[in-house]
Amino acid sequence: MTRNGQTTLQRQLRRSGAIEHADLDKQDMVNATHELGMSLMVADCDRARSRSAVLRAIAKAVDFPEFFGGNLDALYDCLCDTVLDNKTAGVVLWLYRLHSGDPALEDDAASIEEVCADAARFATENGKIFCYVVEHAGKHPDPEPGVAAQPYGEV
């Protein structure tokens, strides 16, 4: 705890923008968002090997409409709509295990982060809060010869 009884994480959550993942405990995030009355949405990007798969994970976590366009412009529009329509104190999007080290995702991961930053600026300009956490997971392991990769979305 720090001054005014708020943790550093709670103070960060009161401002829109990126929250560094380093040393961030998931349970602390759950507790902080709950205490502040914010919505925490976790997009499981662990199996995503392409931009469209990452966008599908985000769409599922945030519950985007069926007509979600599946591109970066649509991501921005839907994030902004989510922020404006949300009845809680703010929205936090956690991109869980985004494999930004994959050659196929390197540039797209950076672009998705830029879209999140733009959505955070939009939220601030409209008196709302949008924070995001990108948990970088490096590169997917190389597939084993003779073993088929598990398709995205299967358990």
N, C-alpha and C. Protein backbone atom coordinates (compact mmCIF):
# COMPACT_ATOMS: atom_id res chain seq x y z
N MET A 1 0.84 -1.19 0.00
CA MET A 1 0.00 0.00 0.00
C MET A 1 0.88 1.24 0.00
N THR A 2 0.33 2.28 -0.56
CA THR A 2 1.03 3.55 -0.60
C THR A 2 0.08 4.62 -0.10
N ARG A 3 0.43 5.84 -0.36
CA ARG A 3 -0.41 6.94 0.13
C ARG A 3 -1.85 6.78 -0.34
N ASN A 4 -2.76 7.27 0.46
CA ASN A 4 -4.20 7.20 0.20
C ASN A 4 -4.71 5.77 0.15
N GLY A 5 -3.93 4.80 0.64
CA GLY A 5 -4.39 3.42 0.69
C GLY A 5 -4.44 2.73 -0.66
N GLN A 6 -3.87 3.33 -1.70
CA GLN A 6 -3.89 2.72 -3.02
C GLN A 6 -2.53 2.12 -3.35
N THR A 7 -2.57 0.98 -4.02
CA THR A 7 -1.33 0.37 -4.47
C THR A 7 -0.86 1.09 -5.74
N THR A 8 0.39 0.83 -6.09
CA THR A 8 0.93 1.39 -7.33
C THR A 8 0.10 0.93 -8.52
N LEU A 9 -0.29 -0.34 -8.52
CA LEU A 9 -1.10 -0.87 -9.61
C LEU A 9 -2.44 -0.14 -9.70
N GLN A 10 -3.08 0.11 -8.59
CA GLN A 10 -4.36 0.82 -8.61
C GLN A 10 -4.19 2.23 -9.17
N ARG A 11 -3.09 2.89 -8.82
CA ARG A 11 -2.84 4.23 -9.37
C ARG A 11 -2.63 4.16 -10.88
N GLN A 12 -1.90 3.12 -11.34
CA GLN A 12 -1.70 2.95 -12.78
C GLN A 12 -3.03 2.70 -13.49
N LEU A 13 -3.90 1.93 -12.88
CA LEU A 13 -5.18 1.60 -13.49
C LEU A 13 -6.10 2.81 -13.59
N ARG A 14 -5.88 3.81 -12.79
CA ARG A 14 -6.72 5.01 -12.85
C ARG A 14 -6.37 5.90 -14.04
N ARG A 15 -5.23 5.57 -14.70
CA ARG A 15 -4.82 6.29 -15.91
C ARG A 15 -4.93 5.33 -17.08
N SER A 16 -5.33 5.79 -18.20
CA SER A 16 -5.38 4.94 -19.38
C SER A 16 -3.98 4.68 -19.90
N GLY A 17 -3.81 3.54 -20.55
CA GLY A 17 -2.54 3.25 -21.20
C GLY A 17 -2.00 1.89 -20.85
N ALA A 18 -0.75 1.68 -21.27
CA ALA A 18 -0.09 0.39 -21.08
C ALA A 18 0.32 0.21 -19.63
N ILE A 19 0.21 -1.02 -19.18
CA ILE A 19 0.71 -1.41 -17.87
C ILE A 19 1.75 -2.49 -18.12
N GLU A 20 2.95 -2.26 -17.63
CA GLU A 20 4.04 -3.20 -17.85
C GLU A 20 3.73 -4.54 -17.20
N HIS A 21 4.02 -5.60 -17.93
CA HIS A 21 3.76 -6.94 -17.42
C HIS A 21 4.83 -7.42 -16.44
N ALA A 22 6.05 -6.93 -16.58
CA ALA A 22 7.16 -7.40 -15.73
C ALA A 22 6.77 -7.32 -14.25
N ASP A 23 6.93 -8.42 -13.56
CA ASP A 23 6.65 -8.51 -12.12
C ASP A 23 5.19 -8.24 -11.76
N LEU A 24 4.30 -8.33 -12.73
CA LEU A 24 2.88 -8.11 -12.46
C LEU A 24 2.23 -9.45 -12.14
N ASP A 25 1.63 -9.52 -10.97
CA ASP A 25 0.97 -10.74 -10.54
C ASP A 25 -0.48 -10.72 -11.01
N LYS A 26 -0.91 -11.83 -11.60
CA LYS A 26 -2.28 -11.89 -12.13
C LYS A 26 -3.32 -11.68 -11.03
N GLN A 27 -3.10 -12.28 -9.88
CA GLN A 27 -4.07 -12.14 -8.80
C GLN A 27 -4.13 -10.70 -8.31
N ASP A 28 -2.99 -10.01 -8.28
CA ASP A 28 -3.00 -8.59 -7.91
C ASP A 28 -3.86 -7.78 -8.89
N MET A 29 -3.75 -8.12 -10.18
CA MET A 29 -4.55 -7.42 -11.19
C MET A 29 -6.04 -7.70 -10.99
N VAL A 30 -6.37 -8.96 -10.75
CA VAL A 30 -7.77 -9.32 -10.51
C VAL A 30 -8.30 -8.54 -9.31
N ASN A 31 -7.53 -8.53 -8.23
CA ASN A 31 -7.96 -7.82 -7.01
C ASN A 31 -8.09 -6.32 -7.24
N ALA A 32 -7.10 -5.73 -7.92
CA ALA A 32 -7.11 -4.28 -8.14
C ALA A 32 -8.28 -3.86 -9.02
N THR A 33 -8.52 -4.59 -10.10
CA THR A 33 -9.64 -4.22 -10.97
C THR A 33 -10.97 -4.39 -10.25
N HIS A 34 -11.07 -5.43 -9.44
CA HIS A 34 -12.30 -5.65 -8.67
C HIS A 34 -12.53 -4.51 -7.68
N GLU A 35 -11.47 -4.14 -6.95
CA GLU A 35 -11.59 -3.07 -5.95
C GLU A 35 -11.95 -1.74 -6.60
N LEU A 36 -11.46 -1.50 -7.82
CA LEU A 36 -11.74 -0.24 -8.51
C LEU A 36 -13.03 -0.28 -9.33
N GLY A 37 -13.66 -1.45 -9.38
CA GLY A 37 -14.90 -1.58 -10.14
C GLY A 37 -14.69 -1.56 -11.64
N MET A 38 -13.56 -2.10 -12.09
CA MET A 38 -13.23 -2.12 -13.51
C MET A 38 -13.49 -3.50 -14.11
N SER A 39 -13.64 -3.54 -15.41
CA SER A 39 -13.80 -4.81 -16.14
C SER A 39 -12.43 -5.29 -16.59
N LEU A 40 -12.11 -6.55 -16.27
CA LEU A 40 -10.86 -7.17 -16.71
C LEU A 40 -11.21 -8.21 -17.76
N MET A 41 -10.65 -8.06 -18.94
CA MET A 41 -10.90 -8.98 -20.04
C MET A 41 -9.56 -9.60 -20.46
N VAL A 42 -9.49 -10.92 -20.42
CA VAL A 42 -8.24 -11.62 -20.73
C VAL A 42 -8.39 -12.33 -22.06
N ALA A 43 -7.52 -11.97 -23.01
CA ALA A 43 -7.50 -12.61 -24.32
C ALA A 43 -6.37 -13.64 -24.31
N ASP A 44 -6.73 -14.91 -24.40
CA ASP A 44 -5.74 -15.99 -24.39
C ASP A 44 -5.15 -16.13 -25.79
N CYS A 45 -3.97 -15.58 -25.97
CA CYS A 45 -3.30 -15.56 -27.28
C CYS A 45 -2.26 -16.67 -27.40
N ASP A 46 -2.22 -17.60 -26.45
CA ASP A 46 -1.14 -18.58 -26.39
C ASP A 46 -1.03 -19.42 -27.66
N ARG A 47 -2.13 -19.83 -28.23
CA ARG A 47 -2.07 -20.69 -29.41
C ARG A 47 -2.12 -19.91 -30.72
N ALA A 48 -2.32 -18.61 -30.64
CA ALA A 48 -2.45 -17.80 -31.84
C ALA A 48 -1.11 -17.71 -32.57
N ARG A 49 -1.13 -18.04 -33.85
CA ARG A 49 0.08 -18.01 -34.67
C ARG A 49 -0.03 -17.03 -35.83
N SER A 50 -1.10 -16.24 -35.84
CA SER A 50 -1.30 -15.24 -36.90
C SER A 50 -2.07 -14.06 -36.32
N ARG A 51 -2.06 -12.95 -37.08
CA ARG A 51 -2.80 -11.78 -36.63
C ARG A 51 -4.28 -12.10 -36.48
N SER A 52 -4.85 -12.82 -37.45
CA SER A 52 -6.28 -13.11 -37.38
C SER A 52 -6.61 -13.96 -36.15
N ALA A 53 -5.71 -14.87 -35.77
CA ALA A 53 -5.95 -15.69 -34.58
C ALA A 53 -5.88 -14.84 -33.31
N VAL A 54 -4.95 -13.88 -33.26
CA VAL A 54 -4.87 -12.98 -32.10
C VAL A 54 -6.14 -12.12 -32.04
N LEU A 55 -6.57 -11.62 -33.18
CA LEU A 55 -7.78 -10.80 -33.20
C LEU A 55 -9.01 -11.60 -32.79
N ARG A 56 -9.06 -12.88 -33.17
CA ARG A 56 -10.18 -13.73 -32.73
C ARG A 56 -10.14 -13.92 -31.22
N ALA A 57 -8.94 -14.08 -30.65
CA ALA A 57 -8.83 -14.23 -29.19
C ALA A 57 -9.31 -12.97 -28.48
N ILE A 58 -8.94 -11.81 -29.02
CA ILE A 58 -9.39 -10.55 -28.43
C ILE A 58 -10.91 -10.41 -28.58
N ALA A 59 -11.41 -10.71 -29.76
CA ALA A 59 -12.86 -10.61 -30.01
C ALA A 59 -13.64 -11.49 -29.05
N LYS A 60 -13.12 -12.68 -28.79
CA LYS A 60 -13.78 -13.60 -27.86
C LYS A 60 -13.75 -13.05 -26.43
N ALA A 61 -12.60 -12.52 -26.01
CA ALA A 61 -12.46 -12.01 -24.64
C ALA A 61 -13.33 -10.79 -24.39
N VAL A 62 -13.41 -9.92 -25.37
CA VAL A 62 -14.13 -8.66 -25.20
C VAL A 62 -15.59 -8.80 -25.63
N ASP A 63 -15.92 -9.92 -26.26
CA ASP A 63 -17.28 -10.19 -26.73
C ASP A 63 -17.70 -9.18 -27.78
N PHE A 64 -16.84 -9.04 -28.81
CA PHE A 64 -17.15 -8.17 -29.93
C PHE A 64 -18.36 -8.72 -30.68
N PRO A 65 -19.06 -7.88 -31.41
CA PRO A 65 -20.22 -8.35 -32.18
C PRO A 65 -19.80 -9.29 -33.31
N GLU A 66 -20.75 -10.06 -33.80
CA GLU A 66 -20.46 -11.03 -34.86
C GLU A 66 -19.93 -10.36 -36.12
N PHE A 67 -20.28 -9.12 -36.35
CA PHE A 67 -19.85 -8.44 -37.57
C PHE A 67 -18.44 -7.84 -37.45
N PHE A 68 -17.72 -8.15 -36.35
CA PHE A 68 -16.35 -7.66 -36.17
C PHE A 68 -15.54 -7.99 -37.42
N GLY A 69 -14.91 -6.98 -37.99
CA GLY A 69 -14.24 -7.11 -39.28
C GLY A 69 -12.96 -7.89 -39.28
N GLY A 70 -12.35 -8.13 -38.14
CA GLY A 70 -11.14 -8.93 -38.10
C GLY A 70 -9.92 -8.25 -38.66
N ASN A 71 -9.87 -6.90 -38.63
CA ASN A 71 -8.67 -6.18 -39.03
C ASN A 71 -8.36 -5.13 -37.97
N LEU A 72 -7.26 -4.42 -38.12
CA LEU A 72 -6.84 -3.48 -37.08
C LEU A 72 -7.78 -2.29 -36.94
N ASP A 73 -8.35 -1.83 -38.04
CA ASP A 73 -9.33 -0.73 -37.94
C ASP A 73 -10.56 -1.17 -37.16
N ALA A 74 -11.02 -2.38 -37.44
CA ALA A 74 -12.17 -2.92 -36.72
C ALA A 74 -11.84 -3.13 -35.24
N LEU A 75 -10.61 -3.55 -34.95
CA LEU A 75 -10.18 -3.71 -33.55
C LEU A 75 -10.27 -2.38 -32.83
N TYR A 76 -9.74 -1.33 -33.43
CA TYR A 76 -9.79 0.00 -32.82
C TYR A 76 -11.24 0.43 -32.59
N ASP A 77 -12.07 0.30 -33.62
CA ASP A 77 -13.47 0.71 -33.50
C ASP A 77 -14.18 -0.04 -32.38
N CYS A 78 -13.98 -1.35 -32.33
CA CYS A 78 -14.67 -2.16 -31.31
C CYS A 78 -14.13 -1.89 -29.91
N LEU A 79 -12.82 -1.67 -29.78
CA LEU A 79 -12.28 -1.31 -28.46
C LEU A 79 -12.86 0.01 -27.99
N CYS A 80 -12.93 0.99 -28.88
CA CYS A 80 -13.49 2.29 -28.51
C CYS A 80 -14.97 2.17 -28.14
N ASP A 81 -15.72 1.39 -28.91
CA ASP A 81 -17.13 1.16 -28.58
C ASP A 81 -17.28 0.48 -27.22
N THR A 82 -16.40 -0.49 -26.96
CA THR A 82 -16.44 -1.21 -25.68
C THR A 82 -16.19 -0.25 -24.53
N VAL A 83 -15.20 0.63 -24.69
CA VAL A 83 -14.87 1.61 -23.65
C VAL A 83 -16.06 2.54 -23.41
N LEU A 84 -16.66 3.03 -24.48
CA LEU A 84 -17.78 3.97 -24.33
C LEU A 84 -19.02 3.30 -23.75
N ASP A 85 -19.27 2.05 -24.14
CA ASP A 85 -20.48 1.35 -23.71
C ASP A 85 -20.36 0.71 -22.34
N ASN A 86 -19.14 0.55 -21.84
CA ASN A 86 -18.92 -0.15 -20.58
C ASN A 86 -19.45 0.67 -19.42
N LYS A 87 -20.16 0.02 -18.53
CA LYS A 87 -20.79 0.71 -17.39
C LYS A 87 -19.92 0.70 -16.14
N THR A 88 -18.73 0.08 -16.21
CA THR A 88 -17.86 0.02 -15.04
C THR A 88 -16.93 1.23 -15.03
N ALA A 89 -16.05 1.27 -14.04
CA ALA A 89 -15.12 2.39 -13.89
C ALA A 89 -14.07 2.43 -14.99
N GLY A 90 -13.90 1.34 -15.71
CA GLY A 90 -12.90 1.30 -16.78
C GLY A 90 -12.74 -0.11 -17.31
N VAL A 91 -11.96 -0.24 -18.37
CA VAL A 91 -11.74 -1.51 -19.03
C VAL A 91 -10.24 -1.81 -19.05
N VAL A 92 -9.90 -3.05 -18.70
CA VAL A 92 -8.51 -3.52 -18.78
C VAL A 92 -8.50 -4.74 -19.69
N LEU A 93 -7.66 -4.70 -20.71
CA LEU A 93 -7.48 -5.82 -21.63
C LEU A 93 -6.10 -6.42 -21.40
N TRP A 94 -6.07 -7.70 -21.07
CA TRP A 94 -4.81 -8.42 -20.84
C TRP A 94 -4.60 -9.37 -22.02
N LEU A 95 -3.55 -9.14 -22.79
CA LEU A 95 -3.20 -10.04 -23.88
C LEU A 95 -2.26 -11.09 -23.30
N TYR A 96 -2.83 -12.24 -22.96
CA TYR A 96 -2.13 -13.31 -22.26
C TYR A 96 -1.30 -14.13 -23.25
N ARG A 97 0.00 -14.20 -23.00
CA ARG A 97 0.95 -15.01 -23.77
C ARG A 97 0.88 -14.74 -25.28
N LEU A 98 1.07 -13.48 -25.62
CA LEU A 98 1.17 -13.09 -27.03
C LEU A 98 2.57 -13.44 -27.52
N HIS A 99 2.64 -14.32 -28.48
CA HIS A 99 3.94 -14.81 -28.98
C HIS A 99 4.51 -13.83 -30.00
N SER A 100 4.92 -12.69 -29.50
CA SER A 100 5.44 -11.62 -30.36
C SER A 100 6.81 -11.95 -30.93
N GLY A 101 7.42 -13.04 -30.47
CA GLY A 101 8.70 -13.46 -31.02
C GLY A 101 8.57 -14.33 -32.26
N ASP A 102 7.35 -14.75 -32.58
CA ASP A 102 7.12 -15.51 -33.81
C ASP A 102 7.33 -14.60 -35.01
N PRO A 103 8.05 -15.07 -36.02
CA PRO A 103 8.24 -14.22 -37.20
C PRO A 103 6.92 -13.76 -37.82
N ALA A 104 5.90 -14.61 -37.78
CA ALA A 104 4.60 -14.26 -38.37
C ALA A 104 3.85 -13.23 -37.53
N LEU A 105 4.22 -13.07 -36.27
CA LEU A 105 3.49 -12.17 -35.37
C LEU A 105 4.27 -10.93 -34.96
N GLU A 106 5.55 -10.88 -35.26
CA GLU A 106 6.40 -9.79 -34.77
C GLU A 106 5.82 -8.41 -35.10
N ASP A 107 5.61 -8.15 -36.38
CA ASP A 107 5.09 -6.84 -36.79
C ASP A 107 3.64 -6.64 -36.34
N ASP A 108 2.86 -7.71 -36.43
CA ASP A 108 1.45 -7.60 -36.05
C ASP A 108 1.28 -7.33 -34.56
N ALA A 109 2.13 -7.93 -33.73
CA ALA A 109 2.05 -7.69 -32.28
C ALA A 109 2.29 -6.21 -31.98
N ALA A 110 3.28 -5.63 -32.65
CA ALA A 110 3.56 -4.20 -32.46
C ALA A 110 2.38 -3.35 -32.93
N SER A 111 1.77 -3.74 -34.04
CA SER A 111 0.61 -3.00 -34.56
C SER A 111 -0.58 -3.10 -33.61
N ILE A 112 -0.79 -4.27 -33.04
CA ILE A 112 -1.89 -4.45 -32.09
C ILE A 112 -1.65 -3.60 -30.84
N GLU A 113 -0.40 -3.53 -30.39
CA GLU A 113 -0.09 -2.65 -29.25
C GLU A 113 -0.37 -1.19 -29.58
N GLU A 114 -0.04 -0.78 -30.81
CA GLU A 114 -0.31 0.60 -31.23
C GLU A 114 -1.81 0.88 -31.22
N VAL A 115 -2.61 -0.08 -31.68
CA VAL A 115 -4.06 0.09 -31.66
C VAL A 115 -4.56 0.23 -30.22
N CYS A 116 -4.02 -0.58 -29.32
CA CYS A 116 -4.40 -0.46 -27.90
C CYS A 116 -4.03 0.91 -27.35
N ALA A 117 -2.84 1.41 -27.71
CA ALA A 117 -2.42 2.74 -27.25
C ALA A 117 -3.35 3.82 -27.81
N ASP A 118 -3.74 3.68 -29.07
CA ASP A 118 -4.69 4.64 -29.66
C ASP A 118 -6.04 4.58 -28.95
N ALA A 119 -6.50 3.38 -28.62
CA ALA A 119 -7.77 3.23 -27.90
C ALA A 119 -7.67 3.85 -26.50
N ALA A 120 -6.51 3.74 -25.87
CA ALA A 120 -6.31 4.35 -24.55
C ALA A 120 -6.37 5.87 -24.65
N ARG A 121 -5.77 6.44 -25.69
CA ARG A 121 -5.86 7.89 -25.90
C ARG A 121 -7.31 8.31 -26.14
N PHE A 122 -8.03 7.53 -26.94
CA PHE A 122 -9.45 7.81 -27.18
C PHE A 122 -10.22 7.81 -25.86
N ALA A 123 -9.95 6.81 -25.03
CA ALA A 123 -10.64 6.71 -23.75
C ALA A 123 -10.39 7.95 -22.90
N THR A 124 -9.14 8.37 -22.82
CA THR A 124 -8.79 9.55 -22.03
C THR A 124 -9.50 10.79 -22.57
N GLU A 125 -9.50 10.95 -23.89
CA GLU A 125 -10.16 12.10 -24.50
C GLU A 125 -11.66 12.12 -24.23
N ASN A 126 -12.23 10.96 -23.94
CA ASN A 126 -13.67 10.85 -23.70
C ASN A 126 -14.01 10.61 -22.23
N GLY A 127 -13.05 10.89 -21.35
CA GLY A 127 -13.30 10.78 -19.92
C GLY A 127 -13.47 9.36 -19.42
N LYS A 128 -12.90 8.41 -20.12
CA LYS A 128 -13.00 6.99 -19.76
C LYS A 128 -11.60 6.44 -19.50
N ILE A 129 -11.55 5.19 -19.03
CA ILE A 129 -10.27 4.53 -18.75
C ILE A 129 -10.19 3.25 -19.55
N PHE A 130 -9.08 3.10 -20.29
CA PHE A 130 -8.76 1.85 -20.97
C PHE A 130 -7.28 1.56 -20.75
N CYS A 131 -7.00 0.47 -20.07
CA CYS A 131 -5.63 0.02 -19.84
C CYS A 131 -5.43 -1.32 -20.53
N TYR A 132 -4.19 -1.61 -20.84
CA TYR A 132 -3.90 -2.90 -21.46
C TYR A 132 -2.56 -3.42 -20.98
N VAL A 133 -2.49 -4.74 -20.91
CA VAL A 133 -1.27 -5.44 -20.52
C VAL A 133 -0.94 -6.40 -21.65
N VAL A 134 0.31 -6.36 -22.11
CA VAL A 134 0.75 -7.31 -23.13
C VAL A 134 1.78 -8.22 -22.47
N GLU A 135 1.39 -9.47 -22.32
CA GLU A 135 2.28 -10.48 -21.74
C GLU A 135 2.98 -11.18 -22.91
N HIS A 136 4.18 -10.72 -23.20
CA HIS A 136 4.95 -11.29 -24.31
C HIS A 136 5.45 -12.67 -23.93
N ALA A 137 5.27 -13.62 -24.83
CA ALA A 137 5.65 -15.01 -24.54
C ALA A 137 6.76 -15.51 -25.47
N GLY A 138 7.41 -14.60 -26.18
CA GLY A 138 8.49 -15.03 -27.06
C GLY A 138 7.97 -15.77 -28.28
N LYS A 139 8.73 -16.76 -28.70
CA LYS A 139 8.42 -17.52 -29.91
C LYS A 139 7.79 -18.85 -29.53
N HIS A 140 6.82 -19.30 -30.33
CA HIS A 140 6.28 -20.64 -30.15
C HIS A 140 7.40 -21.65 -30.35
N PRO A 141 7.36 -22.77 -29.66
CA PRO A 141 8.37 -23.81 -29.93
C PRO A 141 8.21 -24.33 -31.35
N ASP A 142 9.32 -24.70 -31.95
CA ASP A 142 9.27 -25.26 -33.30
C ASP A 142 8.53 -26.59 -33.25
N PRO A 143 7.74 -26.89 -34.29
CA PRO A 143 7.00 -28.15 -34.30
C PRO A 143 7.95 -29.34 -34.39
N GLU A 144 7.53 -30.43 -33.78
CA GLU A 144 8.31 -31.66 -33.85
C GLU A 144 8.02 -32.35 -35.18
N PRO A 145 9.05 -32.87 -35.82
CA PRO A 145 8.83 -33.57 -37.09
C PRO A 145 7.88 -34.75 -36.89
N GLY A 146 6.90 -34.85 -37.78
CA GLY A 146 5.95 -35.96 -37.74
C GLY A 146 4.81 -35.78 -36.77
N VAL A 147 4.78 -34.67 -36.03
CA VAL A 147 3.70 -34.42 -35.07
C VAL A 147 2.93 -33.19 -35.55
N ALA A 148 1.65 -33.38 -35.80
CA ALA A 148 0.82 -32.27 -36.28
C ALA A 148 0.62 -31.26 -35.16
N ALA A 149 0.68 -29.99 -35.52
CA ALA A 149 0.42 -28.92 -34.56
C ALA A 149 -1.04 -28.94 -34.17
N GLN A 150 -1.32 -28.61 -32.92
CA GLN A 150 -2.70 -28.57 -32.45
C GLN A 150 -3.37 -27.33 -33.03
N PRO A 151 -4.51 -27.48 -33.69
CA PRO A 151 -5.19 -26.32 -34.27
C PRO A 151 -5.60 -25.32 -33.20
N TYR A 152 -5.64 -24.05 -33.59
CA TYR A 152 -6.04 -22.98 -32.69
C TYR A 152 -7.46 -23.22 -32.20
N GLY A 153 -7.67 -23.00 -30.92
CA GLY A 153 -9.00 -23.10 -30.34
C GLY A 153 -9.33 -24.45 -29.76
N GLU A 154 -8.49 -25.46 -29.98
CA GLU A 154 -8.76 -26.78 -29.41
C GLU A 154 -8.01 -26.93 -28.10
N VAL A 155 -8.58 -27.71 -27.22
CA VAL A 155 -7.97 -27.94 -25.91
C VAL A 155 -7.25 -29.26 -25.89
